[in-house]
Amino acid sequence: MAIKKGDFVELDYTGKLADDNKVFDTTIASVATSAGLNPKAQYKPVIICVGEGQLLKGLDEYLEGKEMGTHSVAIPAEKAFGKKDAKMLKLIPSKKFKEAKIDPFVGLEVNIDNQYGIVRSVSGGRVTVDFNHPLASKDLVYEVEVKRQVTKADEQVAALLDMIGMHHHGTSMEGEKHVVVKVHEALPQQVAESLNKMITKLTDVETVTYHVDKESHH
């Protein structure tokens, strides 16, 4: 059965650099371990909504029209993390680093005003920091296994909440078109409204309620 835009699918993937096969991202614990990736991260299959930009553009586009199963996808830089942009190279006065008690050197990873960058040069009171994504201008290869189509609405809703990093304690159906989400504390009305918009747009659910789960406090 071909995958179409708007379908929810569960998948495992491993992303590698095309030029040296170095693994930089995966959902599989054993692959992460052998690649030396962050041991504290959680590695498990993800559920995404195809065509909603929850994956890299090249991978998202590739999935449309494909069958379930295993695929190898070559993704050019412009459909991955983009080309390097000269405007993302910034000159920053050394004193800004001194104030933060940082001694800049080439290759140092820094976070300036919530932007992640890498020091490229240090000279004469100025530091050049590259704010391009570390994988900008890199061609990638993804190995993807599309495990199944996810058709249950409560599972789709849980996947959407996980994808945007919203903490919840599970979802359940009440009736055919109504989902209940268990939450730790009451959501501000604006947040609930924007979540509901996203959920009703992407799933068959018509109404959502957020139920504060008292037991989760213990």
N, C-alpha and C. Protein backbone atom coordinates (compact mmCIF):
# COMPACT_ATOMS: atom_id res chain seq x y z
N MET A 1 0.83 -1.20 0.00
CA MET A 1 0.00 0.00 0.00
C MET A 1 0.87 1.25 0.00
N ALA A 2 0.69 2.11 -0.99
CA ALA A 2 1.56 3.28 -1.10
C ALA A 2 1.25 4.32 -0.01
N ILE A 3 2.32 4.93 0.50
CA ILE A 3 2.18 5.95 1.54
C ILE A 3 1.77 7.26 0.88
N LYS A 4 0.81 7.97 1.47
CA LYS A 4 0.45 9.27 0.88
C LYS A 4 0.56 10.38 1.92
N LYS A 5 0.58 11.60 1.40
CA LYS A 5 0.67 12.78 2.27
C LYS A 5 -0.46 12.74 3.29
N GLY A 6 -0.12 13.02 4.56
CA GLY A 6 -1.14 13.00 5.60
C GLY A 6 -1.25 11.67 6.33
N ASP A 7 -0.62 10.61 5.77
CA ASP A 7 -0.60 9.32 6.48
C ASP A 7 0.32 9.40 7.69
N PHE A 8 -0.05 8.69 8.74
CA PHE A 8 0.85 8.53 9.88
C PHE A 8 1.55 7.18 9.73
N VAL A 9 2.89 7.20 9.81
CA VAL A 9 3.64 5.93 9.72
C VAL A 9 4.66 5.86 10.85
N GLU A 10 4.96 4.62 11.25
CA GLU A 10 6.00 4.41 12.26
C GLU A 10 7.26 3.98 11.53
N LEU A 11 8.37 4.63 11.87
CA LEU A 11 9.60 4.25 11.18
C LEU A 11 10.82 4.28 12.07
N ASP A 12 11.81 3.46 11.64
CA ASP A 12 13.16 3.52 12.18
C ASP A 12 14.03 4.12 11.09
N TYR A 13 15.01 4.92 11.47
CA TYR A 13 15.92 5.44 10.44
C TYR A 13 17.32 5.62 11.01
N THR A 14 18.29 5.63 10.09
CA THR A 14 19.67 5.97 10.44
C THR A 14 20.17 6.93 9.38
N GLY A 15 20.66 8.09 9.82
CA GLY A 15 21.20 9.09 8.89
C GLY A 15 22.73 9.05 8.90
N LYS A 16 23.32 9.04 7.68
CA LYS A 16 24.78 9.01 7.57
C LYS A 16 25.24 10.12 6.63
N LEU A 17 26.49 10.53 6.79
CA LEU A 17 27.09 11.46 5.83
C LEU A 17 27.42 10.67 4.57
N ALA A 18 27.09 11.25 3.41
CA ALA A 18 27.29 10.51 2.16
C ALA A 18 28.77 10.26 1.89
N ASP A 19 29.64 11.21 2.29
CA ASP A 19 31.05 11.05 1.88
C ASP A 19 31.83 10.03 2.71
N ASP A 20 31.49 9.83 3.99
CA ASP A 20 32.29 8.88 4.78
C ASP A 20 31.44 7.88 5.58
N ASN A 21 30.12 7.89 5.32
CA ASN A 21 29.23 6.92 6.00
C ASN A 21 29.15 7.08 7.50
N LYS A 22 29.59 8.25 8.02
CA LYS A 22 29.55 8.46 9.47
C LYS A 22 28.10 8.66 9.91
N VAL A 23 27.68 7.89 10.93
CA VAL A 23 26.30 7.99 11.44
C VAL A 23 26.18 9.23 12.33
N PHE A 24 25.19 10.10 12.06
CA PHE A 24 24.99 11.28 12.91
C PHE A 24 23.63 11.25 13.61
N ASP A 25 22.75 10.36 13.17
CA ASP A 25 21.40 10.34 13.75
C ASP A 25 20.80 8.96 13.53
N THR A 26 20.11 8.43 14.54
CA THR A 26 19.45 7.14 14.38
C THR A 26 18.34 6.99 15.42
N THR A 27 17.42 6.07 15.14
CA THR A 27 16.38 5.75 16.13
C THR A 27 16.68 4.39 16.77
N ILE A 28 17.80 3.77 16.37
CA ILE A 28 18.08 2.39 16.79
C ILE A 28 19.22 2.38 17.82
N ALA A 29 18.92 1.86 19.02
CA ALA A 29 19.89 1.92 20.13
C ALA A 29 21.23 1.27 19.79
N SER A 30 21.20 0.10 19.17
CA SER A 30 22.47 -0.61 18.89
C SER A 30 23.33 0.18 17.91
N VAL A 31 22.70 0.84 16.94
CA VAL A 31 23.44 1.66 15.96
C VAL A 31 24.04 2.86 16.67
N ALA A 32 23.25 3.47 17.56
CA ALA A 32 23.74 4.65 18.31
C ALA A 32 24.96 4.29 19.15
N THR A 33 24.91 3.12 19.78
CA THR A 33 26.03 2.68 20.62
C THR A 33 27.29 2.50 19.78
N SER A 34 27.17 1.79 18.65
CA SER A 34 28.39 1.55 17.87
C SER A 34 28.88 2.83 17.19
N ALA A 35 27.99 3.81 17.00
CA ALA A 35 28.43 5.08 16.38
C ALA A 35 28.92 6.08 17.43
N GLY A 36 28.79 5.70 18.72
CA GLY A 36 29.25 6.60 19.79
C GLY A 36 28.36 7.82 19.97
N LEU A 37 27.08 7.68 19.66
CA LEU A 37 26.14 8.81 19.86
C LEU A 37 25.75 8.89 21.33
N ASN A 38 25.07 9.96 21.69
CA ASN A 38 24.69 10.24 23.08
C ASN A 38 23.99 9.04 23.74
N PRO A 39 24.65 8.42 24.76
CA PRO A 39 24.06 7.24 25.39
C PRO A 39 22.81 7.56 26.22
N LYS A 40 22.63 8.86 26.56
CA LYS A 40 21.48 9.22 27.40
C LYS A 40 20.20 9.45 26.58
N ALA A 41 20.35 9.62 25.28
CA ALA A 41 19.17 9.88 24.45
C ALA A 41 18.32 8.62 24.36
N GLN A 42 17.04 8.81 24.05
CA GLN A 42 16.13 7.68 23.90
C GLN A 42 16.10 7.27 22.43
N TYR A 43 16.34 6.00 22.18
CA TYR A 43 16.31 5.52 20.80
C TYR A 43 15.14 4.56 20.64
N LYS A 44 14.18 4.97 19.81
CA LYS A 44 13.02 4.10 19.55
C LYS A 44 12.38 4.59 18.26
N PRO A 45 11.55 3.74 17.62
CA PRO A 45 10.91 4.15 16.37
C PRO A 45 10.07 5.42 16.59
N VAL A 46 9.95 6.23 15.54
CA VAL A 46 9.14 7.45 15.64
C VAL A 46 7.90 7.31 14.76
N ILE A 47 6.84 8.01 15.17
CA ILE A 47 5.63 8.07 14.34
C ILE A 47 5.53 9.49 13.80
N ILE A 48 5.46 9.61 12.49
CA ILE A 48 5.39 10.96 11.88
C ILE A 48 4.18 11.03 10.95
N CYS A 49 3.80 12.26 10.65
CA CYS A 49 2.74 12.51 9.67
C CYS A 49 3.43 12.95 8.37
N VAL A 50 3.29 12.14 7.33
CA VAL A 50 4.01 12.38 6.07
C VAL A 50 3.58 13.70 5.44
N GLY A 51 4.57 14.48 5.00
CA GLY A 51 4.28 15.73 4.31
C GLY A 51 4.12 16.92 5.23
N GLU A 52 4.33 16.72 6.55
CA GLU A 52 4.15 17.83 7.50
C GLU A 52 5.47 18.42 7.98
N GLY A 53 6.57 18.07 7.31
CA GLY A 53 7.85 18.67 7.66
C GLY A 53 8.40 18.21 9.00
N GLN A 54 8.00 17.02 9.44
CA GLN A 54 8.52 16.51 10.72
C GLN A 54 9.84 15.77 10.52
N LEU A 55 10.21 15.57 9.25
CA LEU A 55 11.49 14.97 8.90
C LEU A 55 12.22 15.95 7.99
N LEU A 56 13.47 15.65 7.65
CA LEU A 56 14.17 16.47 6.66
C LEU A 56 13.37 16.47 5.36
N LYS A 57 13.42 17.62 4.66
CA LYS A 57 12.59 17.78 3.46
C LYS A 57 12.77 16.63 2.46
N GLY A 58 14.02 16.27 2.19
CA GLY A 58 14.29 15.22 1.20
C GLY A 58 13.70 13.87 1.59
N LEU A 59 13.73 13.59 2.89
CA LEU A 59 13.21 12.31 3.38
C LEU A 59 11.68 12.32 3.38
N ASP A 60 11.12 13.45 3.81
CA ASP A 60 9.66 13.62 3.85
C ASP A 60 9.08 13.44 2.44
N GLU A 61 9.70 14.11 1.46
CA GLU A 61 9.20 14.04 0.07
C GLU A 61 9.35 12.62 -0.48
N TYR A 62 10.46 11.98 -0.13
CA TYR A 62 10.74 10.64 -0.66
C TYR A 62 9.66 9.63 -0.26
N LEU A 63 9.17 9.75 0.99
CA LEU A 63 8.24 8.74 1.51
C LEU A 63 6.91 8.70 0.75
N GLU A 64 6.50 9.86 0.21
CA GLU A 64 5.21 9.89 -0.50
C GLU A 64 5.24 8.95 -1.70
N GLY A 65 4.26 8.06 -1.75
CA GLY A 65 4.16 7.16 -2.90
C GLY A 65 4.96 5.87 -2.74
N LYS A 66 5.75 5.76 -1.66
CA LYS A 66 6.54 4.54 -1.45
C LYS A 66 5.72 3.49 -0.69
N GLU A 67 6.23 2.25 -0.73
CA GLU A 67 5.58 1.15 -0.02
C GLU A 67 6.20 1.02 1.37
N MET A 68 5.52 0.28 2.25
CA MET A 68 6.11 -0.09 3.55
C MET A 68 7.40 -0.87 3.28
N GLY A 69 8.27 -0.97 4.30
CA GLY A 69 9.48 -1.77 4.13
C GLY A 69 10.73 -0.90 4.23
N THR A 70 11.84 -1.42 3.70
CA THR A 70 13.14 -0.78 3.90
C THR A 70 13.57 -0.02 2.66
N HIS A 71 14.09 1.17 2.87
CA HIS A 71 14.52 2.03 1.76
C HIS A 71 15.86 2.68 2.09
N SER A 72 16.64 2.94 1.03
CA SER A 72 17.86 3.73 1.20
C SER A 72 17.68 5.00 0.37
N VAL A 73 17.84 6.15 1.01
CA VAL A 73 17.51 7.42 0.36
C VAL A 73 18.72 8.35 0.35
N ALA A 74 19.12 8.78 -0.84
CA ALA A 74 20.20 9.79 -0.93
C ALA A 74 19.55 11.17 -0.88
N ILE A 75 20.04 12.03 0.02
CA ILE A 75 19.44 13.36 0.17
C ILE A 75 20.51 14.43 -0.08
N PRO A 76 20.33 15.24 -1.15
CA PRO A 76 21.30 16.30 -1.40
C PRO A 76 21.21 17.39 -0.32
N ALA A 77 22.32 18.10 -0.13
CA ALA A 77 22.40 19.10 0.96
C ALA A 77 21.23 20.07 0.96
N GLU A 78 20.80 20.51 -0.25
CA GLU A 78 19.73 21.53 -0.26
C GLU A 78 18.39 20.99 0.24
N LYS A 79 18.23 19.66 0.24
CA LYS A 79 17.00 19.09 0.81
C LYS A 79 17.27 18.47 2.18
N ALA A 80 18.45 18.76 2.73
CA ALA A 80 18.79 18.29 4.08
C ALA A 80 18.90 19.51 4.98
N PHE A 81 20.13 19.92 5.32
CA PHE A 81 20.29 21.06 6.22
C PHE A 81 20.69 22.34 5.48
N GLY A 82 20.52 22.32 4.13
CA GLY A 82 20.78 23.53 3.36
C GLY A 82 22.25 23.72 3.06
N LYS A 83 22.51 24.69 2.18
CA LYS A 83 23.89 25.06 1.84
C LYS A 83 24.41 26.01 2.91
N LYS A 84 25.72 26.06 3.03
CA LYS A 84 26.30 27.03 3.97
C LYS A 84 25.98 28.44 3.49
N ASP A 85 25.68 29.32 4.43
CA ASP A 85 25.31 30.70 4.10
C ASP A 85 26.36 31.63 4.71
N ALA A 86 27.01 32.42 3.84
CA ALA A 86 28.08 33.31 4.32
C ALA A 86 27.57 34.27 5.39
N LYS A 87 26.27 34.62 5.33
CA LYS A 87 25.72 35.56 6.32
C LYS A 87 25.69 34.96 7.72
N MET A 88 25.83 33.64 7.80
CA MET A 88 25.81 32.97 9.10
C MET A 88 27.19 32.94 9.76
N LEU A 89 28.19 33.51 9.07
CA LEU A 89 29.51 33.67 9.69
C LEU A 89 29.53 35.04 10.34
N LYS A 90 29.67 35.08 11.66
CA LYS A 90 29.58 36.36 12.37
C LYS A 90 30.89 36.69 13.07
N LEU A 91 31.27 37.98 13.01
CA LEU A 91 32.44 38.46 13.76
C LEU A 91 31.97 38.93 15.12
N ILE A 92 32.55 38.38 16.16
CA ILE A 92 32.12 38.72 17.51
C ILE A 92 33.33 39.22 18.30
N PRO A 93 33.21 40.38 18.96
CA PRO A 93 34.35 40.92 19.71
C PRO A 93 34.79 39.93 20.81
N SER A 94 36.11 39.80 20.96
CA SER A 94 36.66 38.89 21.98
C SER A 94 36.14 39.22 23.37
N LYS A 95 35.86 40.52 23.61
CA LYS A 95 35.44 40.88 24.98
C LYS A 95 34.12 40.21 25.38
N LYS A 96 33.30 39.93 24.38
CA LYS A 96 32.04 39.24 24.69
C LYS A 96 32.33 37.85 25.28
N PHE A 97 33.37 37.22 24.76
CA PHE A 97 33.76 35.90 25.29
C PHE A 97 34.37 36.06 26.69
N LYS A 98 35.21 37.11 26.84
CA LYS A 98 35.85 37.34 28.15
C LYS A 98 34.79 37.54 29.23
N GLU A 99 33.76 38.35 28.89
CA GLU A 99 32.68 38.60 29.86
C GLU A 99 32.01 37.29 30.30
N ALA A 100 31.93 36.35 29.37
CA ALA A 100 31.29 35.07 29.69
C ALA A 100 32.31 34.06 30.22
N LYS A 101 33.55 34.56 30.45
CA LYS A 101 34.64 33.70 30.95
C LYS A 101 34.88 32.50 30.03
N ILE A 102 34.87 32.78 28.71
CA ILE A 102 35.16 31.73 27.73
C ILE A 102 36.44 32.11 27.00
N ASP A 103 37.33 31.15 26.86
CA ASP A 103 38.57 31.38 26.12
C ASP A 103 38.39 30.74 24.74
N PRO A 104 38.08 31.54 23.70
CA PRO A 104 37.72 30.94 22.41
C PRO A 104 38.92 30.31 21.69
N PHE A 105 38.70 29.17 21.07
CA PHE A 105 39.73 28.56 20.22
C PHE A 105 39.01 27.93 19.02
N VAL A 106 39.75 27.70 17.93
CA VAL A 106 39.15 27.17 16.71
C VAL A 106 38.56 25.79 16.98
N GLY A 107 37.29 25.61 16.61
CA GLY A 107 36.63 24.33 16.83
C GLY A 107 35.74 24.30 18.06
N LEU A 108 35.85 25.36 18.90
CA LEU A 108 35.03 25.41 20.11
C LEU A 108 33.55 25.57 19.74
N GLU A 109 32.70 24.77 20.36
CA GLU A 109 31.26 24.90 20.13
C GLU A 109 30.71 25.89 21.15
N VAL A 110 29.97 26.87 20.68
CA VAL A 110 29.46 27.90 21.59
C VAL A 110 27.97 28.10 21.39
N ASN A 111 27.34 28.66 22.41
CA ASN A 111 25.92 29.00 22.32
C ASN A 111 25.82 30.48 22.64
N ILE A 112 25.53 31.29 21.62
CA ILE A 112 25.46 32.74 21.81
C ILE A 112 24.04 33.19 21.50
N ASP A 113 23.40 33.83 22.46
CA ASP A 113 22.01 34.27 22.29
C ASP A 113 21.13 33.11 21.78
N ASN A 114 21.31 31.94 22.39
CA ASN A 114 20.55 30.74 22.02
C ASN A 114 20.77 30.28 20.59
N GLN A 115 21.89 30.70 20.01
CA GLN A 115 22.24 30.18 18.68
C GLN A 115 23.50 29.35 18.82
N TYR A 116 23.46 28.16 18.23
CA TYR A 116 24.60 27.25 18.33
C TYR A 116 25.59 27.56 17.21
N GLY A 117 26.87 27.67 17.55
CA GLY A 117 27.87 27.96 16.52
C GLY A 117 29.21 27.31 16.83
N ILE A 118 30.11 27.38 15.85
CA ILE A 118 31.47 26.83 16.01
C ILE A 118 32.47 27.92 15.69
N VAL A 119 33.47 28.09 16.56
CA VAL A 119 34.52 29.10 16.33
C VAL A 119 35.39 28.64 15.16
N ARG A 120 35.52 29.53 14.14
CA ARG A 120 36.32 29.19 12.96
C ARG A 120 37.68 29.90 12.97
N SER A 121 37.76 31.09 13.57
CA SER A 121 39.06 31.76 13.66
C SER A 121 39.06 32.74 14.82
N VAL A 122 40.28 32.98 15.36
CA VAL A 122 40.44 33.92 16.47
C VAL A 122 41.63 34.81 16.11
N SER A 123 41.36 36.13 15.95
CA SER A 123 42.50 37.01 15.63
C SER A 123 42.17 38.44 15.98
N GLY A 124 43.18 39.14 16.49
CA GLY A 124 43.10 40.58 16.73
C GLY A 124 41.82 41.06 17.39
N GLY A 125 41.47 40.46 18.50
CA GLY A 125 40.31 40.96 19.23
C GLY A 125 38.97 40.57 18.62
N ARG A 126 39.02 39.73 17.58
CA ARG A 126 37.77 39.30 16.96
C ARG A 126 37.73 37.79 16.81
N VAL A 127 36.54 37.27 16.94
CA VAL A 127 36.36 35.82 16.83
C VAL A 127 35.31 35.59 15.74
N THR A 128 35.64 34.74 14.75
CA THR A 128 34.65 34.39 13.73
C THR A 128 33.91 33.14 14.18
N VAL A 129 32.57 33.26 14.30
CA VAL A 129 31.75 32.12 14.70
C VAL A 129 30.83 31.74 13.54
N ASP A 130 30.81 30.45 13.23
CA ASP A 130 29.99 29.93 12.14
C ASP A 130 28.68 29.40 12.71
N PHE A 131 27.56 30.09 12.40
CA PHE A 131 26.25 29.68 12.93
C PHE A 131 25.48 28.79 11.95
N ASN A 132 26.14 28.37 10.85
CA ASN A 132 25.49 27.41 9.96
C ASN A 132 25.27 26.10 10.71
N HIS A 133 24.26 25.35 10.31
CA HIS A 133 24.08 24.02 10.89
C HIS A 133 25.36 23.22 10.64
N PRO A 134 25.82 22.42 11.63
CA PRO A 134 27.06 21.66 11.43
C PRO A 134 27.02 20.76 10.19
N LEU A 135 25.82 20.38 9.75
CA LEU A 135 25.72 19.52 8.57
C LEU A 135 25.31 20.29 7.30
N ALA A 136 25.37 21.63 7.37
CA ALA A 136 25.06 22.42 6.17
C ALA A 136 26.04 22.03 5.06
N SER A 137 25.54 22.02 3.81
CA SER A 137 26.33 21.68 2.62
C SER A 137 26.77 20.21 2.57
N LYS A 138 26.22 19.38 3.45
CA LYS A 138 26.60 17.95 3.42
C LYS A 138 25.49 17.14 2.75
N ASP A 139 25.88 16.26 1.84
CA ASP A 139 24.93 15.31 1.27
C ASP A 139 24.79 14.15 2.25
N LEU A 140 23.57 13.64 2.37
CA LEU A 140 23.30 12.60 3.37
C LEU A 140 22.70 11.35 2.73
N VAL A 141 22.77 10.25 3.48
CA VAL A 141 22.08 9.03 3.08
C VAL A 141 21.29 8.54 4.29
N TYR A 142 20.03 8.23 4.09
CA TYR A 142 19.20 7.69 5.17
C TYR A 142 18.79 6.26 4.83
N GLU A 143 18.97 5.37 5.81
CA GLU A 143 18.39 4.02 5.72
C GLU A 143 17.09 4.08 6.53
N VAL A 144 15.98 3.77 5.90
CA VAL A 144 14.68 3.91 6.56
C VAL A 144 13.91 2.60 6.50
N GLU A 145 13.32 2.23 7.62
CA GLU A 145 12.39 1.10 7.60
C GLU A 145 11.02 1.61 8.02
N VAL A 146 10.08 1.59 7.06
CA VAL A 146 8.70 1.99 7.38
C VAL A 146 8.01 0.75 7.93
N LYS A 147 7.72 0.77 9.24
CA LYS A 147 7.26 -0.45 9.91
C LYS A 147 5.76 -0.70 9.72
N ARG A 148 4.97 0.38 9.83
CA ARG A 148 3.51 0.17 9.75
C ARG A 148 2.84 1.52 9.57
N GLN A 149 1.60 1.46 9.12
CA GLN A 149 0.78 2.67 9.08
C GLN A 149 0.03 2.76 10.40
N VAL A 150 -0.03 3.95 10.96
CA VAL A 150 -0.70 4.16 12.24
C VAL A 150 -2.07 4.76 11.96
N THR A 151 -3.11 4.00 12.27
CA THR A 151 -4.46 4.45 11.90
C THR A 151 -5.32 4.83 13.10
N LYS A 152 -4.89 4.41 14.31
CA LYS A 152 -5.72 4.73 15.48
C LYS A 152 -5.53 6.19 15.88
N ALA A 153 -6.65 6.90 16.01
CA ALA A 153 -6.58 8.35 16.23
C ALA A 153 -5.85 8.72 17.53
N ASP A 154 -6.07 7.93 18.60
CA ASP A 154 -5.41 8.31 19.86
C ASP A 154 -3.89 8.15 19.75
N GLU A 155 -3.45 7.16 18.95
CA GLU A 155 -2.01 6.97 18.75
C GLU A 155 -1.44 8.10 17.88
N GLN A 156 -2.23 8.54 16.91
CA GLN A 156 -1.80 9.67 16.06
C GLN A 156 -1.63 10.93 16.91
N VAL A 157 -2.61 11.17 17.80
CA VAL A 157 -2.56 12.37 18.65
C VAL A 157 -1.33 12.31 19.56
N ALA A 158 -1.08 11.14 20.17
CA ALA A 158 0.09 10.99 21.04
C ALA A 158 1.37 11.27 20.25
N ALA A 159 1.42 10.79 19.00
CA ALA A 159 2.61 11.00 18.16
C ALA A 159 2.83 12.48 17.88
N LEU A 160 1.76 13.21 17.59
CA LEU A 160 1.88 14.65 17.32
C LEU A 160 2.40 15.38 18.55
N LEU A 161 1.87 15.02 19.73
CA LEU A 161 2.30 15.68 20.97
C LEU A 161 3.77 15.36 21.26
N ASP A 162 4.16 14.10 21.02
CA ASP A 162 5.57 13.72 21.22
C ASP A 162 6.48 14.50 20.27
N MET A 163 6.03 14.65 19.03
CA MET A 163 6.84 15.30 18.00
C MET A 163 7.14 16.76 18.37
N ILE A 164 6.18 17.43 19.02
CA ILE A 164 6.43 18.83 19.39
C ILE A 164 6.99 18.94 20.82
N GLY A 165 7.25 17.76 21.42
CA GLY A 165 7.88 17.76 22.75
C GLY A 165 6.94 18.11 23.89
N MET A 166 5.63 17.88 23.69
CA MET A 166 4.71 18.18 24.78
C MET A 166 4.55 16.97 25.69
N HIS A 167 4.83 17.18 26.97
CA HIS A 167 4.77 16.09 27.94
C HIS A 167 3.31 15.73 28.24
N HIS A 168 3.00 14.45 28.16
CA HIS A 168 1.63 14.02 28.50
C HIS A 168 1.70 12.62 29.09
N HIS A 169 0.59 12.16 29.65
CA HIS A 169 0.56 10.84 30.29
C HIS A 169 -0.34 9.87 29.55
N GLY A 170 -0.41 10.03 28.24
CA GLY A 170 -1.21 9.08 27.45
C GLY A 170 -2.47 9.70 26.87
N THR A 171 -3.00 9.01 25.86
CA THR A 171 -4.21 9.49 25.17
C THR A 171 -5.19 8.32 25.07
N SER A 172 -6.47 8.64 25.03
CA SER A 172 -7.46 7.57 24.85
C SER A 172 -8.67 8.12 24.09
N MET A 173 -9.35 7.22 23.39
CA MET A 173 -10.54 7.61 22.63
C MET A 173 -11.77 7.57 23.53
N GLU A 174 -12.64 8.56 23.35
CA GLU A 174 -13.97 8.48 23.96
C GLU A 174 -14.94 8.72 22.83
N GLY A 175 -15.61 7.68 22.42
CA GLY A 175 -16.43 7.82 21.21
C GLY A 175 -15.52 7.76 20.00
N GLU A 176 -16.09 7.98 18.81
CA GLU A 176 -15.30 7.80 17.59
C GLU A 176 -14.40 8.98 17.26
N LYS A 177 -14.81 10.18 17.64
CA LYS A 177 -14.09 11.37 17.16
C LYS A 177 -13.55 12.23 18.28
N HIS A 178 -13.52 11.67 19.51
CA HIS A 178 -13.11 12.48 20.65
C HIS A 178 -11.92 11.83 21.36
N VAL A 179 -10.86 12.62 21.57
CA VAL A 179 -9.68 12.10 22.25
C VAL A 179 -9.49 12.82 23.58
N VAL A 180 -9.13 12.04 24.60
CA VAL A 180 -8.79 12.61 25.91
C VAL A 180 -7.28 12.49 26.09
N VAL A 181 -6.65 13.62 26.44
CA VAL A 181 -5.20 13.62 26.68
C VAL A 181 -4.98 13.82 28.18
N LYS A 182 -4.24 12.92 28.81
CA LYS A 182 -3.92 13.10 30.23
C LYS A 182 -2.71 14.01 30.34
N VAL A 183 -2.85 15.07 31.13
CA VAL A 183 -1.74 16.02 31.29
C VAL A 183 -1.40 16.19 32.77
N HIS A 184 -0.21 16.69 33.00
CA HIS A 184 0.30 16.86 34.36
C HIS A 184 -0.39 18.03 35.06
N GLU A 185 -0.63 19.09 34.28
CA GLU A 185 -1.32 20.26 34.85
C GLU A 185 -2.15 20.92 33.76
N ALA A 186 -3.12 21.72 34.18
CA ALA A 186 -4.03 22.34 33.21
C ALA A 186 -3.25 23.18 32.20
N LEU A 187 -3.66 23.11 30.93
CA LEU A 187 -2.98 23.88 29.88
C LEU A 187 -3.59 25.26 29.77
N PRO A 188 -2.76 26.28 29.51
CA PRO A 188 -3.33 27.60 29.21
C PRO A 188 -4.25 27.48 27.99
N GLN A 189 -5.31 28.27 27.98
CA GLN A 189 -6.30 28.15 26.91
C GLN A 189 -5.69 28.30 25.51
N GLN A 190 -4.76 29.26 25.38
CA GLN A 190 -4.14 29.50 24.06
C GLN A 190 -3.40 28.26 23.57
N VAL A 191 -2.67 27.62 24.48
CA VAL A 191 -1.91 26.41 24.13
C VAL A 191 -2.87 25.31 23.70
N ALA A 192 -3.92 25.11 24.50
CA ALA A 192 -4.90 24.06 24.17
C ALA A 192 -5.53 24.33 22.80
N GLU A 193 -5.85 25.60 22.53
CA GLU A 193 -6.49 25.93 21.25
C GLU A 193 -5.58 25.64 20.07
N SER A 194 -4.30 26.01 20.20
CA SER A 194 -3.41 25.78 19.05
C SER A 194 -3.12 24.28 18.87
N LEU A 195 -3.06 23.54 19.98
CA LEU A 195 -2.90 22.08 19.85
C LEU A 195 -4.12 21.47 19.16
N ASN A 196 -5.30 21.92 19.58
CA ASN A 196 -6.52 21.38 18.98
C ASN A 196 -6.59 21.65 17.49
N LYS A 197 -6.14 22.84 17.09
CA LYS A 197 -6.13 23.18 15.65
C LYS A 197 -5.27 22.18 14.88
N MET A 198 -4.06 21.94 15.42
CA MET A 198 -3.13 21.02 14.75
C MET A 198 -3.73 19.60 14.70
N ILE A 199 -4.29 19.17 15.83
CA ILE A 199 -4.81 17.80 15.92
C ILE A 199 -5.99 17.59 14.97
N THR A 200 -6.93 18.55 14.95
CA THR A 200 -8.11 18.36 14.09
C THR A 200 -7.75 18.51 12.61
N LYS A 201 -6.69 19.26 12.32
CA LYS A 201 -6.26 19.42 10.92
C LYS A 201 -5.64 18.11 10.40
N LEU A 202 -4.85 17.44 11.24
CA LEU A 202 -4.06 16.31 10.75
C LEU A 202 -4.68 14.94 11.01
N THR A 203 -5.69 14.88 11.89
CA THR A 203 -6.31 13.58 12.19
C THR A 203 -7.82 13.68 11.97
N ASP A 204 -8.51 12.56 12.17
CA ASP A 204 -9.98 12.56 12.04
C ASP A 204 -10.67 12.99 13.33
N VAL A 205 -9.87 13.30 14.34
CA VAL A 205 -10.45 13.69 15.63
C VAL A 205 -11.17 15.04 15.48
N GLU A 206 -12.34 15.16 16.10
CA GLU A 206 -13.08 16.42 16.01
C GLU A 206 -12.95 17.26 17.28
N THR A 207 -12.85 16.57 18.44
CA THR A 207 -12.71 17.33 19.69
C THR A 207 -11.67 16.67 20.59
N VAL A 208 -11.02 17.51 21.40
CA VAL A 208 -9.97 17.04 22.31
C VAL A 208 -10.24 17.65 23.68
N THR A 209 -10.12 16.84 24.73
CA THR A 209 -10.12 17.44 26.07
C THR A 209 -8.85 17.03 26.79
N TYR A 210 -8.39 17.91 27.68
CA TYR A 210 -7.16 17.68 28.44
C TYR A 210 -7.55 17.42 29.88
N HIS A 211 -7.20 16.23 30.34
CA HIS A 211 -7.62 15.80 31.67
C HIS A 211 -6.41 15.81 32.59
N VAL A 212 -6.47 16.60 33.65
CA VAL A 212 -5.34 16.65 34.58
C VAL A 212 -5.31 15.34 35.37
N ASP A 213 -4.17 14.65 35.23
CA ASP A 213 -4.02 13.33 35.82
C ASP A 213 -3.41 13.46 37.22
N LYS A 214 -4.27 13.43 38.22
CA LYS A 214 -3.81 13.64 39.61
C LYS A 214 -2.77 12.62 40.04
N GLU A 215 -2.94 11.38 39.56
CA GLU A 215 -2.03 10.33 40.01
C GLU A 215 -0.60 10.54 39.54
N SER A 216 -0.44 11.31 38.48
CA SER A 216 0.92 11.50 37.95
C SER A 216 1.78 12.35 38.87
N HIS A 217 1.18 12.96 39.88
CA HIS A 217 1.96 13.79 40.80
C HIS A 217 2.76 12.95 41.79
N HIS A 218 2.34 11.70 41.99
CA HIS A 218 3.00 10.90 43.02
C HIS A 218 4.29 10.30 42.51
